[in-house]
PDB file of N, CA and C in Angstrom:
ATOM      1  N   MET A   1     -15.565 111.175   2.984  1.00  0.00           N
ATOM      2  CA  MET A   1     -15.781 110.488   4.664  1.00  0.00           C
ATOM      3  C   MET A   1     -14.398 110.457   5.743  1.00  0.00           C
ATOM      4  N   THR A   2     -14.074 111.016   6.317  1.00  0.00           N
ATOM      5  CA  THR A   2     -12.930 111.099   7.594  1.00  0.00           C
ATOM      6  C   THR A   2     -13.399 110.864   8.161  1.00  0.00           C
ATOM      7  N   PHE A   3     -12.909 109.339   9.186  1.00  0.00           N
ATOM      8  CA  PHE A   3     -12.764 109.217  10.867  1.00  0.00           C
ATOM      9  C   PHE A   3     -12.181 110.052  12.107  1.00  0.00           C
ATOM     10  N   THR A   4     -12.744 111.042  12.658  1.00  0.00           N
ATOM     11  CA  THR A   4     -12.028 111.163  13.383  1.00  0.00           C
ATOM     12  C   THR A   4     -11.802 110.549  15.444  1.00  0.00           C
ATOM     13  N   SER A   5     -10.733 110.750  15.564  1.00  0.00           N
ATOM     14  CA  SER A   5     -10.847 109.514  17.145  1.00  0.00           C
ATOM     15  C   SER A   5     -11.592 110.248  17.798  1.00  0.00           C
ATOM     16  N   ARG A   6     -12.309 109.151  19.218  1.00  0.00           N
ATOM     17  CA  ARG A   6     -12.797 109.783  20.304  1.00  0.00           C
ATOM     18  C   ARG A   6     -12.049 110.493  20.724  1.00  0.00           C
ATOM     19  N   PRO A   7     -12.476 111.644  21.619  1.00  0.00           N
ATOM     20  CA  PRO A   7     -11.641 111.813  22.263  1.00  0.00           C
ATOM     21  C   PRO A   7     -11.735 111.534  23.400  1.00  0.00           C
ATOM     22  N   GLN A   8     -10.328 111.926  24.491  1.00  0.00           N
ATOM     23  CA  GLN A   8      -9.951 110.539  25.648  1.00  0.00           C
ATOM     24  C   GLN A   8     -10.884 111.391  27.138  1.00  0.00           C
ATOM     25  N   LYS A   9     -11.076 110.197  27.651  1.00  0.00           N
ATOM     26  CA  LYS A   9     -12.525 110.609  28.899  1.00  0.00           C
ATOM     27  C   LYS A   9     -11.134 111.058  29.852  1.00  0.00           C
ATOM     28  N   SER A  10     -11.663 111.687  30.397  1.00  0.00           N
ATOM     29  CA  SER A  10     -11.201 112.007  31.924  1.00  0.00           C
ATOM     30  C   SER A  10     -10.807 110.565  32.848  1.00  0.00           C
ATOM     31  N   PRO A  11      -9.909 110.917  33.644  1.00  0.00           N
ATOM     32  CA  PRO A  11      -9.807 109.708  34.499  1.00  0.00           C
ATOM     33  C   PRO A  11     -10.441 110.062  35.155  1.00  0.00           C
ATOM     34  N   THR A  12     -11.379 110.948  36.319  1.00  0.00           N
ATOM     35  CA  THR A  12     -12.629 110.809  36.687  1.00  0.00           C
ATOM     36  C   THR A  12     -13.829 110.281  36.007  1.00  0.00           C
ATOM     37  N   VAL A  13     -14.310 110.317  34.904  1.00  0.00           N
ATOM     38  CA  VAL A  13     -15.457 109.864  34.562  1.00  0.00           C
ATOM     39  C   VAL A  13     -15.247 108.248  34.299  1.00  0.00           C
ATOM     40  N   GLN A  14     -13.396 108.043  33.832  1.00  0.00           N
ATOM     41  CA  GLN A  14     -13.137 106.675  33.459  1.00  0.00           C
ATOM     42  C   GLN A  14     -13.045 105.928  34.919  1.00  0.00           C
ATOM     43  N   ARG A  15     -13.202 106.224  35.789  1.00  0.00           N
ATOM     44  CA  ARG A  15     -13.547 105.708  37.602  1.00  0.00           C
ATOM     45  C   ARG A  15     -15.177 106.067  37.870  1.00  0.00           C
ATOM     46  N   LEU A  16     -15.791 107.074  37.754  1.00  0.00           N
ATOM     47  CA  LEU A  16     -17.087 106.360  37.674  1.00  0.00           C
ATOM     48  C   LEU A  16     -17.666 106.076  37.199  1.00  0.00           C
ATOM     49  N   GLN A  17     -16.934 105.460  35.795  1.00  0.00           N
ATOM     50  CA  GLN A  17     -17.595 104.458  35.116  1.00  0.00           C
ATOM     51  C   GLN A  17     -17.822 103.583  35.698  1.00  0.00           C
ATOM     52  N   GLN A  18     -16.260 103.008  35.793  1.00  0.00           N
ATOM     53  CA  GLN A  18     -15.677 102.160  36.620  1.00  0.00           C
ATOM     54  C   GLN A  18     -16.674 101.150  37.991  1.00  0.00           C
ATOM     55  N   ALA A  19     -16.800 102.266  38.857  1.00  0.00           N
ATOM     56  CA  ALA A  19     -17.567 102.218  39.674  1.00  0.00           C
ATOM     57  C   ALA A  19     -19.262 101.810  39.763  1.00  0.00           C
ATOM     58  N   GLY A  20     -19.587 102.055  38.692  1.00  0.00           N
ATOM     59  CA  GLY A  20     -20.557 102.414  38.172  1.00  0.00           C
ATOM     60  C   GLY A  20     -20.933 100.647  37.498  1.00  0.00           C
ATOM     61  N   LEU A  21     -20.423  99.838  37.222  1.00  0.00           N
ATOM     62  CA  LEU A  21     -20.304  98.854  36.627  1.00  0.00           C
ATOM     63  C   LEU A  21     -19.875  98.291  37.593  1.00  0.00           C
ATOM     64  N   SER A  22     -19.313  98.123  38.982  1.00  0.00           N
ATOM     65  CA  SER A  22     -19.016  97.628  40.012  1.00  0.00           C
ATOM     66  C   SER A  22     -20.101  97.648  40.635  1.00  0.00           C
ATOM     67  N   LEU A  23     -21.144  98.613  41.180  1.00  0.00           N
ATOM     68  CA  LEU A  23     -22.057  98.744  41.623  1.00  0.00           C
ATOM     69  C   LEU A  23     -23.399  98.328  40.946  1.00  0.00           C
ATOM     70  N   SER A  24     -23.297  97.642  39.452  1.00  0.00           N
ATOM     71  CA  SER A  24     -24.158  97.358  39.163  1.00  0.00           C
ATOM     72  C   SER A  24     -24.169  95.911  38.967  1.00  0.00           C
ATOM     73  N   LEU A  25     -23.064  95.427  38.797  1.00  0.00           N
ATOM     74  CA  LEU A  25     -22.690  94.000  39.186  1.00  0.00           C
ATOM     75  C   LEU A  25     -23.079  93.408  40.888  1.00  0.00           C
ATOM     76  N   ALA A  26     -22.706  94.096  41.422  1.00  0.00           N
ATOM     77  CA  ALA A  26     -22.892  94.140  42.815  1.00  0.00           C
ATOM     78  C   ALA A  26     -24.257  93.473  43.288  1.00  0.00           C
ATOM     79  N   LEU A  27     -25.291  94.770  42.616  1.00  0.00           N
ATOM     80  CA  LEU A  27     -26.464  94.427  42.565  1.00  0.00           C
ATOM     81  C   LEU A  27     -27.453  93.631  42.562  1.00  0.00           C
ATOM     82  N   LEU A  28     -26.741  93.653  41.388  1.00  0.00           N
ATOM     83  CA  LEU A  28     -26.999  91.643  40.566  1.00  0.00           C
ATOM     84  C   LEU A  28     -27.066  90.907  40.500  1.00  0.00           C
ATOM     85  N   LEU A  29     -26.084  90.096  41.596  1.00  0.00           N
ATOM     86  CA  LEU A  29     -25.623  89.531  42.662  1.00  0.00           C
ATOM     87  C   LEU A  29     -26.392  89.539  43.839  1.00  0.00           C
ATOM     88  N   THR A  30     -26.822  90.546  44.091  1.00  0.00           N
ATOM     89  CA  THR A  30     -27.600  90.645  45.480  1.00  0.00           C
ATOM     90  C   THR A  30     -28.802  90.311  45.116  1.00  0.00           C
ATOM     91  N   ALA A  31     -29.001  90.987  43.658  1.00  0.00           N
ATOM     92  CA  ALA A  31     -30.907  90.619  44.121  1.00  0.00           C
ATOM     93  C   ALA A  31     -30.816  88.726  43.163  1.00  0.00           C
ATOM     94  N   CYS A  32     -30.399  88.249  42.761  1.00  0.00           N
ATOM     95  CA  CYS A  32     -30.790  86.576  42.122  1.00  0.00           C
ATOM     96  C   CYS A  32     -30.889  86.100  43.062  1.00  0.00           C
ATOM     97  N   GLY A  33     -30.346  85.995  44.677  1.00  0.00           N
ATOM     98  CA  GLY A  33     -31.063  86.103  46.083  1.00  0.00           C
ATOM     99  C   GLY A  33     -30.689  84.335  45.745  1.00  0.00           C
ATOM    100  N   SER A  34     -31.005  83.645  46.801  1.00  0.00           N
ATOM    101  CA  SER A  34     -30.966  81.856  47.432  1.00  0.00           C
ATOM    102  C   SER A  34     -31.714  80.744  46.386  1.00  0.00           C
ATOM    103  N   GLY A  35     -32.634  81.322  46.097  1.00  0.00           N
ATOM    104  CA  GLY A  35     -33.482  80.656  45.663  1.00  0.00           C
ATOM    105  C   GLY A  35     -34.401  79.350  46.400  1.00  0.00           C
ATOM    106  N   SER A  36     -33.748  79.262  47.728  1.00  0.00           N
ATOM    107  CA  SER A  36     -34.180  78.146  48.386  1.00  0.00           C
ATOM    108  C   SER A  36     -35.383  78.144  49.218  1.00  0.00           C
ATOM    109  N   GLY A  37     -36.024  79.335  48.966  1.00  0.00           N
ATOM    110  CA  GLY A  37     -37.619  79.769  49.012  1.00  0.00           C
ATOM    111  C   GLY A  37     -37.537  78.941  50.596  1.00  0.00           C
ATOM    112  N   GLY A  38     -36.801  78.472  51.544  1.00  0.00           N
ATOM    113  CA  GLY A  38     -36.871  77.982  52.722  1.00  0.00           C
ATOM    114  C   GLY A  38     -37.007  78.874  53.540  1.00  0.00           C
ATOM    115  N   ASN A  39     -36.759  78.186  54.787  1.00  0.00           N
ATOM    116  CA  ASN A  39     -36.708  79.529  56.379  1.00  0.00           C
ATOM    117  C   ASN A  39     -35.562  79.243  56.210  1.00  0.00           C
ATOM    118  N   ASP A  40     -34.833  80.512  56.323  1.00  0.00           N
ATOM    119  CA  ASP A  40     -33.639  80.763  56.720  1.00  0.00           C
ATOM    120  C   ASP A  40     -33.013  81.214  58.302  1.00  0.00           C
ATOM    121  N   GLY A  41     -34.457  81.067  58.982  1.00  0.00           N
ATOM    122  CA  GLY A  41     -34.088  81.654  60.304  1.00  0.00           C
ATOM    123  C   GLY A  41     -33.654  80.342  61.466  1.00  0.00           C
ATOM    124  N   PRO A  42     -33.773  80.411  62.608  1.00  0.00           N
ATOM    125  CA  PRO A  42     -33.076  79.367  63.468  1.00  0.00           C
ATOM    126  C   PRO A  42     -34.384  78.567  63.494  1.00  0.00           C
ATOM    127  N   ALA A  43     -34.132  77.116  63.726  1.00  0.00           N
ATOM    128  CA  ALA A  43     -35.390  76.279  63.809  1.00  0.00           C
ATOM    129  C   ALA A  43     -36.094  76.378  65.034  1.00  0.00           C
ATOM    130  N   ASN A  44     -35.091  76.662  65.885  1.00  0.00           N
ATOM    131  CA  ASN A  44     -36.131  76.924  67.513  1.00  0.00           C
ATOM    132  C   ASN A  44     -35.874  78.415  68.070  1.00  0.00           C
ATOM    133  N   PRO A  45     -36.365  79.927  67.610  1.00  0.00           N
ATOM    134  CA  PRO A  45     -36.188  80.812  67.969  1.00  0.00           C
ATOM    135  C   PRO A  45     -36.406  80.908  69.588  1.00  0.00           C
ATOM    136  N   GLY A  46     -35.468  81.857  70.087  1.00  0.00           N
ATOM    137  CA  GLY A  46     -35.143  82.054  71.317  1.00  0.00           C
ATOM    138  C   GLY A  46     -34.658  80.987  72.473  1.00  0.00           C
ATOM    139  N   THR A  47     -34.626  80.086  71.832  1.00  0.00           N
ATOM    140  CA  THR A  47     -33.353  79.082  72.431  1.00  0.00           C
ATOM    141  C   THR A  47     -32.245  78.890  72.141  1.00  0.00           C
ATOM    142  N   ASN A  48     -31.443  78.809  73.470  1.00  0.00           N
ATOM    143  CA  ASN A  48     -29.846  78.442  73.060  1.00  0.00           C
ATOM    144  C   ASN A  48     -29.245  77.333  72.485  1.00  0.00           C
ATOM    145  N   PRO A  49     -28.486  76.823  71.493  1.00  0.00           N
ATOM    146  CA  PRO A  49     -27.920  75.760  71.474  1.00  0.00           C
ATOM    147  C   PRO A  49     -27.111  75.209  72.573  1.00  0.00           C
ATOM    148  N   GLU A  50     -26.913  73.822  73.343  1.00  0.00           N
ATOM    149  CA  GLU A  50     -26.177  73.691  73.898  1.00  0.00           C
ATOM    150  C   GLU A  50     -24.034  73.486  73.841  1.00  0.00           C
ATOM    151  N   THR A  51     -23.940  73.388  74.196  1.00  0.00           N
ATOM    152  CA  THR A  51     -22.466  74.417  74.061  1.00  0.00           C
ATOM    153  C   THR A  51     -21.058  72.920  74.124  1.00  0.00           C
ATOM    154  N   PRO A  52     -20.910  72.432  73.510  1.00  0.00           N
ATOM    155  CA  PRO A  52     -20.201  71.049  73.279  1.00  0.00           C
ATOM    156  C   PRO A  52     -19.304  71.109  74.875  1.00  0.00           C
ATOM    157  N   THR A  53     -19.709  70.144  75.388  1.00  0.00           N
ATOM    158  CA  THR A  53     -18.430  69.938  76.675  1.00  0.00           C
ATOM    159  C   THR A  53     -17.169  69.314  76.100  1.00  0.00           C
ATOM    160  N   VAL A  54     -16.208  69.580  76.707  1.00  0.00           N
ATOM    161  CA  VAL A  54     -14.748  68.966  75.893  1.00  0.00           C
ATOM    162  C   VAL A  54     -14.203  68.395  77.570  1.00  0.00           C
ATOM    163  N   GLU A  55     -14.005  67.243  77.524  1.00  0.00           N
ATOM    164  CA  GLU A  55     -12.816  66.579  78.951  1.00  0.00           C
ATOM    165  C   GLU A  55     -11.952  66.735  79.027  1.00  0.00           C
ATOM    166  N   PRO A  56     -11.125  67.161  79.855  1.00  0.00           N
ATOM    167  CA  PRO A  56      -9.241  67.455  79.314  1.00  0.00           C
ATOM    168  C   PRO A  56      -9.246  66.350  78.541  1.00  0.00           C
ATOM    169  N   GLY A  57      -7.812  66.557  77.985  1.00  0.00           N
ATOM    170  CA  GLY A  57      -7.194  65.518  77.174  1.00  0.00           C
ATOM    171  C   GLY A  57      -7.834  65.345  76.037  1.00  0.00           C
ATOM    172  N   ASP A  58      -9.720  65.501  75.686  1.00  0.00           N
ATOM    173  CA  ASP A  58     -10.329  64.806  74.166  1.00  0.00           C
ATOM    174  C   ASP A  58     -10.195  66.160  73.571  1.00  0.00           C
ATOM    175  N   LYS A  59     -10.213  65.919  71.791  1.00  0.00           N
ATOM    176  CA  LYS A  59     -10.190  66.952  71.292  1.00  0.00           C
ATOM    177  C   LYS A  59     -11.537  67.499  71.303  1.00  0.00           C
ATOM    178  N   PRO A  60     -11.431  68.889  70.840  1.00  0.00           N
ATOM    179  CA  PRO A  60     -12.738  69.032  70.859  1.00  0.00           C
ATOM    180  C   PRO A  60     -13.016  68.645  69.345  1.00  0.00           C
ATOM    181  N   GLN A  61     -14.957  68.521  69.246  1.00  0.00           N
ATOM    182  CA  GLN A  61     -15.408  67.927  68.266  1.00  0.00           C
ATOM    183  C   GLN A  61     -16.168  68.967  67.107  1.00  0.00           C
ATOM    184  N   ALA A  62     -15.704  69.369  65.726  1.00  0.00           N
ATOM    185  CA  ALA A  62     -16.263  70.164  65.598  1.00  0.00           C
ATOM    186  C   ALA A  62     -17.546  70.127  64.844  1.00  0.00           C
ATOM    187  N   LEU A  63     -18.916  71.423  65.332  1.00  0.00           N
ATOM    188  CA  LEU A  63     -19.949  71.129  64.843  1.00  0.00           C
ATOM    189  C   LEU A  63     -20.255  71.303  63.489  1.00  0.00           C
ATOM    190  N   GLY A  64     -21.142  70.051  63.051  1.00  0.00           N
ATOM    191  CA  GLY A  64     -21.421  70.226  61.646  1.00  0.00           C
ATOM    192  C   GLY A  64     -20.505  69.379  60.685  1.00  0.00           C
ATOM    193  N   GLY A  65     -20.646  69.346  59.644  1.00  0.00           N
ATOM    194  CA  GLY A  65     -19.595  68.763  58.520  1.00  0.00           C
ATOM    195  C   GLY A  65     -19.575  69.400  57.700  1.00  0.00           C
ATOM    196  N   LYS A  66     -19.143  69.050  57.199  1.00  0.00           N
ATOM    197  CA  LYS A  66     -18.573  68.708  55.289  1.00  0.00           C
ATOM    198  C   LYS A  66     -19.397  70.015  55.061  1.00  0.00           C
ATOM    199  N   LYS A  67     -18.618  71.226  54.444  1.00  0.00           N
ATOM    200  CA  LYS A  67     -19.662  71.820  53.816  1.00  0.00           C
ATOM    201  C   LYS A  67     -19.520  72.887  51.764  1.00  0.00           C
ATOM    202  N   ALA A  68     -20.016  72.878  51.561  1.00  0.00           N
ATOM    203  CA  ALA A  68     -19.772  72.904  49.826  1.00  0.00           C
ATOM    204  C   ALA A  68     -21.109  74.383  49.473  1.00  0.00           C
ATOM    205  N   LEU A  69     -20.228  75.194  48.910  1.00  0.00           N
ATOM    206  CA  LEU A  69     -21.276  76.450  48.026  1.00  0.00           C
ATOM    207  C   LEU A  69     -21.343  76.199  47.230  1.00  0.00           C
ATOM    208  N   VAL A  70     -22.632  75.476  46.584  1.00  0.00           N
ATOM    209  CA  VAL A  70     -22.874  76.047  45.064  1.00  0.00           C
ATOM    210  C   VAL A  70     -23.640  76.399  44.233  1.00  0.00           C
ATOM    211  N   VAL A  71     -23.287  77.254  43.246  1.00  0.00           N
ATOM    212  CA  VAL A  71     -23.614  78.501  42.423  1.00  0.00           C
ATOM    213  C   VAL A  71     -24.058  78.073  41.073  1.00  0.00           C
ATOM    214  N   THR A  72     -25.011  77.964  40.515  1.00  0.00           N
ATOM    215  CA  THR A  72     -25.625  77.861  39.339  1.00  0.00           C
ATOM    216  C   THR A  72     -26.128  78.989  39.130  1.00  0.00           C
ATOM    217  N   ILE A  73     -26.388  79.689  37.351  1.00  0.00           N
ATOM    218  CA  ILE A  73     -26.436  80.544  36.772  1.00  0.00           C
ATOM    219  C   ILE A  73     -27.609  80.023  35.806  1.00  0.00           C
ATOM    220  N   ASP A  74     -29.315  80.715  35.804  1.00  0.00           N
ATOM    221  CA  ASP A  74     -30.024  80.048  35.415  1.00  0.00           C
ATOM    222  C   ASP A  74     -29.819  81.288  34.043  1.00  0.00           C
ATOM    223  N   PRO A  75     -29.910  80.543  33.044  1.00  0.00           N
ATOM    224  CA  PRO A  75     -29.655  80.783  31.280  1.00  0.00           C
ATOM    225  C   PRO A  75     -31.112  81.318  30.999  1.00  0.00           C
ATOM    226  N   ALA A  76     -32.179  80.838  31.574  1.00  0.00           N
ATOM    227  CA  ALA A  76     -33.536  81.321  31.084  1.00  0.00           C
ATOM    228  C   ALA A  76     -33.824  82.799  31.520  1.00  0.00           C
ATOM    229  N   LEU A  77     -33.300  83.698  31.760  1.00  0.00           N
ATOM    230  CA  LEU A  77     -33.705  84.862  32.183  1.00  0.00           C
ATOM    231  C   LEU A  77     -32.727  86.134  31.345  1.00  0.00           C
TER     232      LEU A  77
END
Protein backbone atom coordinates (compact mmCIF):
# COMPACT_ATOMS: atom_id res chain seq x y z
CA MET A 1 0.00 0.00 0.00
CA THR A 2 1.45 3.35 -0.97
CA PHE A 3 0.37 6.72 0.29
CA THR A 4 0.53 9.83 -1.84
CA SER A 5 0.67 13.35 -0.51
CA ARG A 6 -2.37 15.57 -0.76
CA PRO A 7 -2.34 18.08 -3.60
CA GLN A 8 -1.59 21.63 -2.46
CA LYS A 9 -4.58 23.96 -2.25
CA SER A 10 -4.48 27.12 -4.29
CA PRO A 11 -4.06 30.41 -2.37
CA THR A 12 -7.57 31.43 -3.40
CA VAL A 13 -9.08 28.31 -1.84
CA GLN A 14 -7.04 28.83 1.33
CA ARG A 15 -8.25 32.46 1.60
CA LEU A 16 -11.87 31.42 1.07
CA GLN A 17 -11.58 28.75 3.76
CA GLN A 18 -10.04 31.26 6.19
CA ALA A 19 -12.79 33.80 5.42
CA GLY A 20 -15.47 31.15 5.93
CA LEU A 21 -13.97 30.13 9.25
CA SER A 22 -13.77 33.75 10.41
CA LEU A 23 -17.35 34.42 9.34
CA SER A 24 -18.57 31.28 11.11
CA LEU A 25 -16.85 32.32 14.33
CA ALA A 26 -18.31 35.83 14.12
CA LEU A 27 -21.82 34.45 13.56
CA LEU A 28 -21.43 32.00 16.43
CA LEU A 29 -20.41 34.75 18.83
CA THR A 30 -23.24 36.99 17.61
CA ALA A 31 -25.79 34.22 18.11
CA CYS A 32 -24.71 33.68 21.72
CA GLY A 33 -26.33 36.94 22.83
CA SER A 34 -26.05 38.50 26.22
CA GLY A 35 -28.51 36.20 27.99
CA SER A 36 -29.56 38.96 30.36
CA GLY A 37 -33.23 38.75 29.43
CA GLY A 38 -33.68 42.34 30.56
CA ASN A 39 -34.80 45.40 28.70
CA ASP A 40 -31.82 46.94 26.95
CA GLY A 41 -33.74 50.04 25.91
CA PRO A 42 -33.73 53.41 27.66
CA ALA A 43 -35.59 53.69 30.97
CA ASN A 44 -37.69 56.66 29.82
CA PRO A 45 -37.93 56.67 26.02
CA GLY A 46 -38.55 60.07 24.51
CA THR A 47 -36.92 62.03 27.35
CA ASN A 48 -33.42 63.42 27.25
CA PRO A 49 -31.22 63.00 30.31
CA GLU A 50 -30.04 66.16 31.98
CA THR A 51 -26.57 67.24 31.02
CA PRO A 52 -24.34 67.94 34.01
CA THR A 53 -23.43 71.56 34.55
CA VAL A 54 -19.83 72.44 35.27
CA GLU A 55 -18.91 75.55 37.16
CA PRO A 56 -15.79 77.39 36.02
CA GLY A 57 -12.74 75.89 37.72
CA ASP A 58 -14.47 72.63 38.62
CA LYS A 59 -13.41 69.31 37.18
CA PRO A 60 -16.21 67.63 35.24
CA GLN A 61 -17.47 64.47 36.92
CA ALA A 62 -17.60 61.24 34.99
CA LEU A 63 -21.04 59.80 34.39
CA GLY A 64 -21.61 56.33 35.76
CA GLY A 65 -18.95 54.40 37.57
CA LYS A 66 -16.37 51.77 36.96
CA LYS A 67 -17.40 49.27 34.37
CA ALA A 68 -16.40 45.68 33.71
CA LEU A 69 -17.11 43.23 30.94
CA VAL A 70 -17.66 39.70 32.18
CA VAL A 71 -17.64 36.93 29.59
CA THR A 72 -18.75 33.44 30.53
CA ILE A 73 -18.87 30.32 28.39
CA ASP A 74 -21.57 27.77 29.08
CA PRO A 75 -20.10 24.29 28.51
CA ALA A 76 -23.57 22.67 28.58
CA LEU A 77 -24.21 23.55 24.93
